[in-house]
Amino acid sequence: MPDLKLKKIQPNRLNPRFEFSKVGLDELADSIKQVGLLQPIVVRPKGADTYEVVVGERRYRAAQQAGLDIVPVIVRDYGDAEVMELNLIENIQREDLSAVEKAKLCKRMRDSFPTKYPNWEVIAQRLGVDFETVKKWIRVLGLPEEIQQRIAPREVQRVSPGKIDYQTAIRITQGIKEPERQVELAEKLADEHVSQRSATRIIKEVSKEPEKSVEAIFREVVEEAPIFLPFSRVHADAIVKGAKTQTSRKTKEPRLQPSTIVRAQVTHFADLEILDIYRKKLGEFDENDAMREGGYTLDEFKEVWKELHGDWNPNESVYVIQFKIVRQV
């Protein structure tokens, strides 16, 4: 595996995705500074003594940011069509892409290479994913643009504020026929950030009562519904053992107040009494906070936060919710 001077490598002009997360690039650049570039960049010859990135555009940019002079490469003599295909496949397989982005890339594969990819089943086989998964991605392209923009950037346990998961988006359009009403409900669910249980019931009620306003149905369902506080299985076990008495969230249910009784769930495993709720910057969290979050050190808790929420911004204020078990189910 040869090494090349980074200045001899050009960016990939055929890459279908030119936007990269600054936070992600910063983290990768920091890692490269510490341990070097562990995975080579795939390049192709481009001129007498220059090369073009084929696969590894993000690594290439991070290596530049890290100040590397030389990087490991794999040299392949690909044509333009092969480069485009490889980049489409690499991008689709990225975990941080939304269903909308993956669907658009699948469509581009089929449009660009109709002979090689005559149907979605062939694309699914090429990507190594289930055919039903690809069909679900493609269905989101039929949603109103306003709803597509509200779909979360990746499949995670907790969807970011202002977003909905793509399966909820599809359920909205399956149950409700009027596009304006679809958009109104999608935006309401994204902004209010209700539980999946409440969202399912709201969609059902909105589809059953077309003459009733979305706002009215939304309020009726939300006000009647019990308050659920979701946890991972690991954190549910920690709560039962008494190791976790605090949880920190970017958002909270508006009805959640001190003295409120909530249902803690992976499945409903306990009723919790809320003892206190306050705002705190992540950068102000200390070892005591981390211990209450489940027996972590502060460094361990930062990693847990990143897994759940994607980034650790010391200046971001979050809700700190302290509680105790009042009943174990």
Foldseek 3Di string as FASTA:
>chain_A
DDKDFLVQEDEAPLQPDDDDDPVVLVVLLVVCLVPNDPDAFEWEDDPDRHIYTLPDRSVSVSCVVNPDGMTHYHYDHDDPLVSNVVNLLVVLPDQQAALQVNLVSLVCNCVSCVPQDVDLVSVCVVNVHDSVSNVLSNVCVPAPPLLVVQAARHDAPAGDASHDHSVLLVLLVVLDPDNVLSNVLSRVCRNQVADPVLSVVLSNVCSVCVPDHSVVSSCVSLVPDAAEDEDDPLQVVLQVVVQAFKDKAQDDRPVDAAQGWHQYDVDRFFIKGWHHKDKDFLLPDAQVNQRNHRHDGNVVVQVVCCNRPPHRDRGRIIMMIGIHTPTTD
